[in-house]
Amino acid sequence: PKPFPDNQAKLVKAGSVLLFQLHYTTAGKPQTDATTI
């Protein structure tokens, strides 16, 4: 990921809810994950 130039940005509206879509694969033993943004 790279920041946008100074004159560009994305809009997140008041009250927005984040939806995490996560694709997991297995690794041969039980694992845990807590992804952040």
ModelCIF file with pLDDT and N, C-alpha, C, O atoms, coordinates in Angstrom:
data_MODEL
#
_entry.id   MODEL 
#
_entity.id                         1 
_entity.type                       polymer 
_entity.pdbx_number_of_molecules   1 
#
_entity_poly.entity_id                      1 
_entity_poly.type                           'polypeptide(L)' 
_entity_poly.nstd_linkage                   no 
_entity_poly.nstd_monomer                   no 
_entity_poly.pdbx_seq_one_letter_code       PKPFPDNQAKLVKAGSVLLFQLHYTTAGKPQTDATTI 
_entity_poly.pdbx_seq_one_letter_code_can   PKPFPDNQAKLVKAGSVLLFQLHYTTAGKPQTDATTI 
_entity_poly.pdbx_strand_id                 A 
#
loop_
_entity_poly_seq.entity_id 
_entity_poly_seq.num 
_entity_poly_seq.mon_id 
_entity_poly_seq.hetero 
1 1  PRO n 
1 2  LYS n 
1 3  PRO n 
1 4  PHE n 
1 5  PRO n 
1 6  ASP n 
1 7  ASN n 
1 8  GLN n 
1 9  ALA n 
1 10 LYS n 
1 11 LEU n 
1 12 VAL n 
1 13 LYS n 
1 14 ALA n 
1 15 GLY n 
1 16 SER n 
1 17 VAL n 
1 18 LEU n 
1 19 LEU n 
1 20 PHE n 
1 21 GLN n 
1 22 LEU n 
1 23 HIS n 
1 24 TYR n 
1 25 THR n 
1 26 THR n 
1 27 ALA n 
1 28 GLY n 
1 29 LYS n 
1 30 PRO n 
1 31 GLN n 
1 32 THR n 
1 33 ASP n 
1 34 ALA n 
1 35 THR n 
1 36 THR n 
1 37 ILE n 
#
_struct_asym.id          A 
_struct_asym.entity_id   1 
#
loop_
_ma_qa_metric.id 
_ma_qa_metric.mode 
_ma_qa_metric.name 
_ma_qa_metric.software_group_id 
_ma_qa_metric.type 
1 global pLDDT . pLDDT 
2 local  pLDDT . pLDDT 
#
_ma_qa_metric_global.metric_id      1 
_ma_qa_metric_global.metric_value   93.62 
_ma_qa_metric_global.model_id       1 
_ma_qa_metric_global.ordinal_id     1 
#
loop_
_ma_qa_metric_local.label_asym_id 
_ma_qa_metric_local.label_comp_id 
_ma_qa_metric_local.label_seq_id 
_ma_qa_metric_local.metric_id 
_ma_qa_metric_local.metric_value 
_ma_qa_metric_local.model_id 
_ma_qa_metric_local.ordinal_id 
A PRO 1  2 89.00 1 1  
A LYS 2  2 90.00 1 2  
A PRO 3  2 93.00 1 3  
A PHE 4  2 94.00 1 4  
A PRO 5  2 92.00 1 5  
A ASP 6  2 89.00 1 6  
A ASN 7  2 94.00 1 7  
A GLN 8  2 97.00 1 8  
A ALA 9  2 97.00 1 9  
A LYS 10 2 97.00 1 10 
A LEU 11 2 96.00 1 11 
A VAL 12 2 95.00 1 12 
A LYS 13 2 94.00 1 13 
A ALA 14 2 94.00 1 14 
A GLY 15 2 92.00 1 15 
A SER 16 2 92.00 1 16 
A VAL 17 2 91.00 1 17 
A LEU 18 2 93.00 1 18 
A LEU 19 2 91.00 1 19 
A PHE 20 2 93.00 1 20 
A GLN 21 2 92.00 1 21 
A LEU 22 2 93.00 1 22 
A HIS 23 2 92.00 1 23 
A TYR 24 2 94.00 1 24 
A THR 25 2 90.00 1 25 
A THR 26 2 92.00 1 26 
A ALA 27 2 91.00 1 27 
A GLY 28 2 94.00 1 28 
A LYS 29 2 95.00 1 29 
A PRO 30 2 96.00 1 30 
A GLN 31 2 95.00 1 31 
A THR 32 2 96.00 1 32 
A ASP 33 2 96.00 1 33 
A ALA 34 2 96.00 1 34 
A THR 35 2 96.00 1 35 
A THR 36 2 96.00 1 36 
A ILE 37 2 97.00 1 37 
#
loop_
_atom_site.group_PDB 
_atom_site.id 
_atom_site.type_symbol 
_atom_site.label_atom_id 
_atom_site.label_alt_id 
_atom_site.label_comp_id 
_atom_site.label_asym_id 
_atom_site.label_entity_id 
_atom_site.label_seq_id 
_atom_site.pdbx_PDB_ins_code 
_atom_site.Cartn_x 
_atom_site.Cartn_y 
_atom_site.Cartn_z 
_atom_site.occupancy 
_atom_site.B_iso_or_equiv 
_atom_site.pdbx_formal_charge 
_atom_site.auth_seq_id 
_atom_site.auth_comp_id 
_atom_site.auth_asym_id 
_atom_site.auth_atom_id 
_atom_site.pdbx_PDB_model_num 
ATOM 1   N N  . PRO A 1 1  ? 0.824   -1.215  0.000  1.00 89.00 ? 1  PRO A N  1 
ATOM 2   C CA . PRO A 1 1  ? 0.000   0.000   0.000  1.00 89.00 ? 1  PRO A CA 1 
ATOM 3   C C  . PRO A 1 1  ? 0.855   1.261   0.000  1.00 89.00 ? 1  PRO A C  1 
ATOM 4   O O  . PRO A 1 1  ? 1.956   1.286   0.550  1.00 89.00 ? 1  PRO A O  1 
ATOM 5   N N  . LYS A 1 2  ? 0.325   2.303   -0.628 1.00 90.00 ? 2  LYS A N  1 
ATOM 6   C CA . LYS A 1 2  ? 1.014   3.591   -0.674 1.00 90.00 ? 2  LYS A CA 1 
ATOM 7   C C  . LYS A 1 2  ? 0.008   4.698   -0.380 1.00 90.00 ? 2  LYS A C  1 
ATOM 8   O O  . LYS A 1 2  ? -1.147  4.598   -0.793 1.00 90.00 ? 2  LYS A O  1 
ATOM 9   N N  . PRO A 1 3  ? 0.422   5.756   0.329  1.00 93.00 ? 3  PRO A N  1 
ATOM 10  C CA . PRO A 1 3  ? -0.478  6.889   0.546  1.00 93.00 ? 3  PRO A CA 1 
ATOM 11  C C  . PRO A 1 3  ? -0.820  7.574   -0.775 1.00 93.00 ? 3  PRO A C  1 
ATOM 12  O O  . PRO A 1 3  ? -0.033  7.549   -1.720 1.00 93.00 ? 3  PRO A O  1 
ATOM 13  N N  . PHE A 1 4  ? -2.007  8.185   -0.828 1.00 94.00 ? 4  PHE A N  1 
ATOM 14  C CA . PHE A 1 4  ? -2.379  8.976   -1.994 1.00 94.00 ? 4  PHE A CA 1 
ATOM 15  C C  . PHE A 1 4  ? -1.626  10.304  -1.971 1.00 94.00 ? 4  PHE A C  1 
ATOM 16  O O  . PHE A 1 4  ? -1.174  10.742  -0.913 1.00 94.00 ? 4  PHE A O  1 
ATOM 17  N N  . PRO A 1 5  ? -1.489  10.944  -3.127 1.00 92.00 ? 5  PRO A N  1 
ATOM 18  C CA . PRO A 1 5  ? -0.937  12.301  -3.134 1.00 92.00 ? 5  PRO A CA 1 
ATOM 19  C C  . PRO A 1 5  ? -1.764  13.245  -2.269 1.00 92.00 ? 5  PRO A C  1 
ATOM 20  O O  . PRO A 1 5  ? -2.895  12.930  -1.899 1.00 92.00 ? 5  PRO A O  1 
ATOM 21  N N  . ASP A 1 6  ? -1.199  14.392  -1.952 1.00 89.00 ? 6  ASP A N  1 
ATOM 22  C CA . ASP A 1 6  ? -1.794  15.303  -0.986 1.00 89.00 ? 6  ASP A CA 1 
ATOM 23  C C  . ASP A 1 6  ? -3.197  15.772  -1.381 1.00 89.00 ? 6  ASP A C  1 
ATOM 24  O O  . ASP A 1 6  ? -4.000  16.106  -0.509 1.00 89.00 ? 6  ASP A O  1 
ATOM 25  N N  . ASN A 1 7  ? -3.502  15.801  -2.682 1.00 94.00 ? 7  ASN A N  1 
ATOM 26  C CA . ASN A 1 7  ? -4.790  16.343  -3.130 1.00 94.00 ? 7  ASN A CA 1 
ATOM 27  C C  . ASN A 1 7  ? -5.852  15.263  -3.349 1.00 94.00 ? 7  ASN A C  1 
ATOM 28  O O  . ASN A 1 7  ? -6.911  15.545  -3.908 1.00 94.00 ? 7  ASN A O  1 
ATOM 29  N N  . GLN A 1 8  ? -5.575  14.015  -2.908 1.00 97.00 ? 8  GLN A N  1 
ATOM 30  C CA . GLN A 1 8  ? -6.499  12.909  -3.146 1.00 97.00 ? 8  GLN A CA 1 
ATOM 31  C C  . GLN A 1 8  ? -6.767  12.143  -1.849 1.00 97.00 ? 8  GLN A C  1 
ATOM 32  O O  . GLN A 1 8  ? -5.888  12.026  -0.995 1.00 97.00 ? 8  GLN A O  1 
ATOM 33  N N  . ALA A 1 9  ? -7.986  11.623  -1.711 1.00 97.00 ? 9  ALA A N  1 
ATOM 34  C CA . ALA A 1 9  ? -8.324  10.825  -0.534 1.00 97.00 ? 9  ALA A CA 1 
ATOM 35  C C  . ALA A 1 9  ? -9.627  10.072  -0.793 1.00 97.00 ? 9  ALA A C  1 
ATOM 36  O O  . ALA A 1 9  ? -10.383 10.405  -1.705 1.00 97.00 ? 9  ALA A O  1 
ATOM 37  N N  . LYS A 1 10 ? -9.873  9.049   0.029  1.00 97.00 ? 10 LYS A N  1 
ATOM 38  C CA . LYS A 1 10 ? -11.134 8.315   0.009  1.00 97.00 ? 10 LYS A CA 1 
ATOM 39  C C  . LYS A 1 10 ? -12.036 8.825   1.135  1.00 97.00 ? 10 LYS A C  1 
ATOM 40  O O  . LYS A 1 10 ? -11.557 9.293   2.168  1.00 97.00 ? 10 LYS A O  1 
ATOM 41  N N  . LEU A 1 11 ? -13.331 8.726   0.917  1.00 96.00 ? 11 LEU A N  1 
ATOM 42  C CA . LEU A 1 11 ? -14.300 9.227   1.885  1.00 96.00 ? 11 LEU A CA 1 
ATOM 43  C C  . LEU A 1 11 ? -14.873 8.079   2.716  1.00 96.00 ? 11 LEU A C  1 
ATOM 44  O O  . LEU A 1 11 ? -15.366 7.087   2.178  1.00 96.00 ? 11 LEU A O  1 
ATOM 45  N N  . VAL A 1 12 ? -14.797 8.236   4.034  1.00 95.00 ? 12 VAL A N  1 
ATOM 46  C CA . VAL A 1 12 ? -15.469 7.332   4.964  1.00 95.00 ? 12 VAL A CA 1 
ATOM 47  C C  . VAL A 1 12 ? -16.509 8.161   5.700  1.00 95.00 ? 12 VAL A C  1 
ATOM 48  O O  . VAL A 1 12 ? -16.173 9.115   6.402  1.00 95.00 ? 12 VAL A O  1 
ATOM 49  N N  . LYS A 1 13 ? -17.767 7.794   5.537  1.00 94.00 ? 13 LYS A N  1 
ATOM 50  C CA . LYS A 1 13 ? -18.852 8.623   6.056  1.00 94.00 ? 13 LYS A CA 1 
ATOM 51  C C  . LYS A 1 13 ? -19.117 8.363   7.538  1.00 94.00 ? 13 LYS A C  1 
ATOM 52  O O  . LYS A 1 13 ? -18.841 7.287   8.068  1.00 94.00 ? 13 LYS A O  1 
ATOM 53  N N  . ALA A 1 14 ? -19.653 9.377   8.169  1.00 94.00 ? 14 ALA A N  1 
ATOM 54  C CA . ALA A 1 14 ? -19.994 9.264   9.593  1.00 94.00 ? 14 ALA A CA 1 
ATOM 55  C C  . ALA A 1 14 ? -20.886 8.042   9.822  1.00 94.00 ? 14 ALA A C  1 
ATOM 56  O O  . ALA A 1 14 ? -21.822 7.788   9.065  1.00 94.00 ? 14 ALA A O  1 
ATOM 57  N N  . GLY A 1 15 ? -20.574 7.293   10.880 1.00 92.00 ? 15 GLY A N  1 
ATOM 58  C CA . GLY A 1 15 ? -21.364 6.116   11.204 1.00 92.00 ? 15 GLY A CA 1 
ATOM 59  C C  . GLY A 1 15 ? -21.048 4.892   10.370 1.00 92.00 ? 15 GLY A C  1 
ATOM 60  O O  . GLY A 1 15 ? -21.701 3.861   10.532 1.00 92.00 ? 15 GLY A O  1 
ATOM 61  N N  . SER A 1 16 ? -20.063 4.970   9.478  1.00 92.00 ? 16 SER A N  1 
ATOM 62  C CA . SER A 1 16 ? -19.734 3.831   8.624  1.00 92.00 ? 16 SER A CA 1 
ATOM 63  C C  . SER A 1 16 ? -19.360 2.608   9.453  1.00 92.00 ? 16 SER A C  1 
ATOM 64  O O  . SER A 1 16 ? -18.846 2.706   10.568 1.00 92.00 ? 16 SER A O  1 
ATOM 65  N N  . VAL A 1 17 ? -19.642 1.449   8.855  1.00 91.00 ? 17 VAL A N  1 
ATOM 66  C CA . VAL A 1 17 ? -19.278 0.169   9.457  1.00 91.00 ? 17 VAL A CA 1 
ATOM 67  C C  . VAL A 1 17 ? -18.258 -0.500  8.547  1.00 91.00 ? 17 VAL A C  1 
ATOM 68  O O  . VAL A 1 17 ? -18.441 -0.537  7.330  1.00 91.00 ? 17 VAL A O  1 
ATOM 69  N N  . LEU A 1 18 ? -17.198 -1.023  9.122  1.00 93.00 ? 18 LEU A N  1 
ATOM 70  C CA . LEU A 1 18 ? -16.190 -1.737  8.340  1.00 93.00 ? 18 LEU A CA 1 
ATOM 71  C C  . LEU A 1 18 ? -16.618 -3.186  8.153  1.00 93.00 ? 18 LEU A C  1 
ATOM 72  O O  . LEU A 1 18 ? -17.066 -3.841  9.094  1.00 93.00 ? 18 LEU A O  1 
ATOM 73  N N  . LEU A 1 19 ? -16.475 -3.671  6.936  1.00 91.00 ? 19 LEU A N  1 
ATOM 74  C CA . LEU A 1 19 ? -16.691 -5.081  6.634  1.00 91.00 ? 19 LEU A CA 1 
ATOM 75  C C  . LEU A 1 19 ? -15.351 -5.696  6.258  1.00 91.00 ? 19 LEU A C  1 
ATOM 76  O O  . LEU A 1 19 ? -14.770 -5.353  5.229  1.00 91.00 ? 19 LEU A O  1 
ATOM 77  N N  . PHE A 1 20 ? -14.867 -6.601  7.092  1.00 93.00 ? 20 PHE A N  1 
ATOM 78  C CA . PHE A 1 20 ? -13.650 -7.367  6.794  1.00 93.00 ? 20 PHE A CA 1 
ATOM 79  C C  . PHE A 1 20 ? -14.065 -8.610  6.011  1.00 93.00 ? 20 PHE A C  1 
ATOM 80  O O  . PHE A 1 20 ? -14.834 -9.434  6.508  1.00 93.00 ? 20 PHE A O  1 
ATOM 81  N N  . GLN A 1 21 ? -13.555 -8.743  4.783  1.00 92.00 ? 21 GLN A N  1 
ATOM 82  C CA . GLN A 1 21 ? -13.713 -9.990  4.029  1.00 92.00 ? 21 GLN A CA 1 
ATOM 83  C C  . GLN A 1 21 ? -12.376 -10.701 4.071  1.00 92.00 ? 21 GLN A C  1 
ATOM 84  O O  . GLN A 1 21 ? -11.383 -10.188 3.554  1.00 92.00 ? 21 GLN A O  1 
ATOM 85  N N  . LEU A 1 22 ? -12.338 -11.876 4.681  1.00 93.00 ? 22 LEU A N  1 
ATOM 86  C CA . LEU A 1 22 ? -11.071 -12.572 4.923  1.00 93.00 ? 22 LEU A CA 1 
ATOM 87  C C  . LEU A 1 22 ? -11.082 -13.949 4.273  1.00 93.00 ? 22 LEU A C  1 
ATOM 88  O O  . LEU A 1 22 ? -12.021 -14.727 4.442  1.00 93.00 ? 22 LEU A O  1 
ATOM 89  N N  . HIS A 1 23 ? -10.033 -14.229 3.538  1.00 92.00 ? 23 HIS A N  1 
ATOM 90  C CA . HIS A 1 23 ? -9.846  -15.541 2.916  1.00 92.00 ? 23 HIS A CA 1 
ATOM 91  C C  . HIS A 1 23 ? -8.693  -16.226 3.645  1.00 92.00 ? 23 HIS A C  1 
ATOM 92  O O  . HIS A 1 23 ? -7.545  -15.790 3.560  1.00 92.00 ? 23 HIS A O  1 
ATOM 93  N N  . TYR A 1 24 ? -9.007  -17.293 4.355  1.00 94.00 ? 24 TYR A N  1 
ATOM 94  C CA . TYR A 1 24 ? -8.007  -18.051 5.105  1.00 94.00 ? 24 TYR A CA 1 
ATOM 95  C C  . TYR A 1 24 ? -7.681  -19.366 4.395  1.00 94.00 ? 24 TYR A C  1 
ATOM 96  O O  . TYR A 1 24 ? -8.522  -19.951 3.711  1.00 94.00 ? 24 TYR A O  1 
ATOM 97  N N  . THR A 1 25 ? -6.439  -19.810 4.577  1.00 90.00 ? 25 THR A N  1 
ATOM 98  C CA . THR A 1 25 ? -6.039  -21.153 4.164  1.00 90.00 ? 25 THR A CA 1 
ATOM 99  C C  . THR A 1 25 ? -5.506  -21.882 5.399  1.00 90.00 ? 25 THR A C  1 
ATOM 100 O O  . THR A 1 25 ? -5.177  -21.256 6.406  1.00 90.00 ? 25 THR A O  1 
ATOM 101 N N  . THR A 1 26 ? -5.428  -23.191 5.310  1.00 92.00 ? 26 THR A N  1 
ATOM 102 C CA . THR A 1 26 ? -4.952  -23.965 6.458  1.00 92.00 ? 26 THR A CA 1 
ATOM 103 C C  . THR A 1 26 ? -3.447  -24.188 6.359  1.00 92.00 ? 26 THR A C  1 
ATOM 104 O O  . THR A 1 26 ? -2.864  -24.080 5.279  1.00 92.00 ? 26 THR A O  1 
ATOM 105 N N  . ALA A 1 27 ? -2.818  -24.502 7.505  1.00 91.00 ? 27 ALA A N  1 
ATOM 106 C CA . ALA A 1 27 ? -1.357  -24.608 7.548  1.00 91.00 ? 27 ALA A CA 1 
ATOM 107 C C  . ALA A 1 27 ? -0.883  -25.864 8.256  1.00 91.00 ? 27 ALA A C  1 
ATOM 108 O O  . ALA A 1 27 ? 0.251   -25.905 8.734  1.00 91.00 ? 27 ALA A O  1 
ATOM 109 N N  . GLY A 1 28 ? -1.735  -26.905 8.337  1.00 94.00 ? 28 GLY A N  1 
ATOM 110 C CA . GLY A 1 28 ? -1.299  -28.174 8.906  1.00 94.00 ? 28 GLY A CA 1 
ATOM 111 C C  . GLY A 1 28 ? -1.485  -28.310 10.397 1.00 94.00 ? 28 GLY A C  1 
ATOM 112 O O  . GLY A 1 28 ? -1.355  -29.408 10.938 1.00 94.00 ? 28 GLY A O  1 
ATOM 113 N N  . LYS A 1 29 ? -1.787  -27.216 11.073 1.00 95.00 ? 29 LYS A N  1 
ATOM 114 C CA . LYS A 1 29 ? -2.099  -27.263 12.499 1.00 95.00 ? 29 LYS A CA 1 
ATOM 115 C C  . LYS A 1 29 ? -3.017  -26.090 12.818 1.00 95.00 ? 29 LYS A C  1 
ATOM 116 O O  . LYS A 1 29 ? -3.022  -25.103 12.082 1.00 95.00 ? 29 LYS A O  1 
ATOM 117 N N  . PRO A 1 30 ? -3.793  -26.171 13.895 1.00 96.00 ? 30 PRO A N  1 
ATOM 118 C CA . PRO A 1 30 ? -4.702  -25.067 14.232 1.00 96.00 ? 30 PRO A CA 1 
ATOM 119 C C  . PRO A 1 30 ? -3.945  -23.755 14.396 1.00 96.00 ? 30 PRO A C  1 
ATOM 120 O O  . PRO A 1 30 ? -2.852  -23.721 14.962 1.00 96.00 ? 30 PRO A O  1 
ATOM 121 N N  . GLN A 1 31 ? -4.543  -22.674 13.891 1.00 95.00 ? 31 GLN A N  1 
ATOM 122 C CA . GLN A 1 31 ? -3.912  -21.353 13.948 1.00 95.00 ? 31 GLN A CA 1 
ATOM 123 C C  . GLN A 1 31 ? -4.959  -20.317 14.318 1.00 95.00 ? 31 GLN A C  1 
ATOM 124 O O  . GLN A 1 31 ? -6.159  -20.568 14.207 1.00 95.00 ? 31 GLN A O  1 
ATOM 125 N N  . THR A 1 32 ? -4.502  -19.156 14.755 1.00 96.00 ? 32 THR A N  1 
ATOM 126 C CA . THR A 1 32 ? -5.399  -18.037 15.035 1.00 96.00 ? 32 THR A CA 1 
ATOM 127 C C  . THR A 1 32 ? -4.930  -16.805 14.285 1.00 96.00 ? 32 THR A C  1 
ATOM 128 O O  . THR A 1 32 ? -3.758  -16.685 13.928 1.00 96.00 ? 32 THR A O  1 
ATOM 129 N N  . ASP A 1 33 ? -5.864  -15.891 14.051 1.00 96.00 ? 33 ASP A N  1 
ATOM 130 C CA . ASP A 1 33 ? -5.529  -14.628 13.380 1.00 96.00 ? 33 ASP A CA 1 
ATOM 131 C C  . ASP A 1 33 ? -6.407  -13.509 13.925 1.00 96.00 ? 33 ASP A C  1 
ATOM 132 O O  . ASP A 1 33 ? -7.592  -13.703 14.195 1.00 96.00 ? 33 ASP A O  1 
ATOM 133 N N  . ALA A 1 34 ? -5.803  -12.334 14.081 1.00 96.00 ? 34 ALA A N  1 
ATOM 134 C CA . ALA A 1 34 ? -6.547  -11.114 14.420 1.00 96.00 ? 34 ALA A CA 1 
ATOM 135 C C  . ALA A 1 34 ? -6.001  -9.994  13.537 1.00 96.00 ? 34 ALA A C  1 
ATOM 136 O O  . ALA A 1 34 ? -5.077  -9.279  13.925 1.00 96.00 ? 34 ALA A O  1 
ATOM 137 N N  . THR A 1 35 ? -6.579  -9.850  12.353 1.00 96.00 ? 35 THR A N  1 
ATOM 138 C CA . THR A 1 35 ? -6.111  -8.876  11.371 1.00 96.00 ? 35 THR A CA 1 
ATOM 139 C C  . THR A 1 35 ? -6.525  -7.461  11.779 1.00 96.00 ? 35 THR A C  1 
ATOM 140 O O  . THR A 1 35 ? -7.558  -7.265  12.419 1.00 96.00 ? 35 THR A O  1 
ATOM 141 N N  . THR A 1 36 ? -5.703  -6.479  11.400 1.00 96.00 ? 36 THR A N  1 
ATOM 142 C CA . THR A 1 36 ? -5.989  -5.082  11.683 1.00 96.00 ? 36 THR A CA 1 
ATOM 143 C C  . THR A 1 36 ? -5.919  -4.265  10.402 1.00 96.00 ? 36 THR A C  1 
ATOM 144 O O  . THR A 1 36 ? -5.334  -4.699  9.409  1.00 96.00 ? 36 THR A O  1 
ATOM 145 N N  . ILE A 1 37 ? -6.524  -3.069  10.433 1.00 97.00 ? 37 ILE A N  1 
ATOM 146 C CA . ILE A 1 37 ? -6.333  -2.089  9.376  1.00 97.00 ? 37 ILE A CA 1 
ATOM 147 C C  . ILE A 1 37 ? -6.002  -0.750  10.029 1.00 97.00 ? 37 ILE A C  1 
ATOM 148 O O  . ILE A 1 37 ? -5.796  0.243   9.331  1.00 97.00 ? 37 ILE A O  1 
#
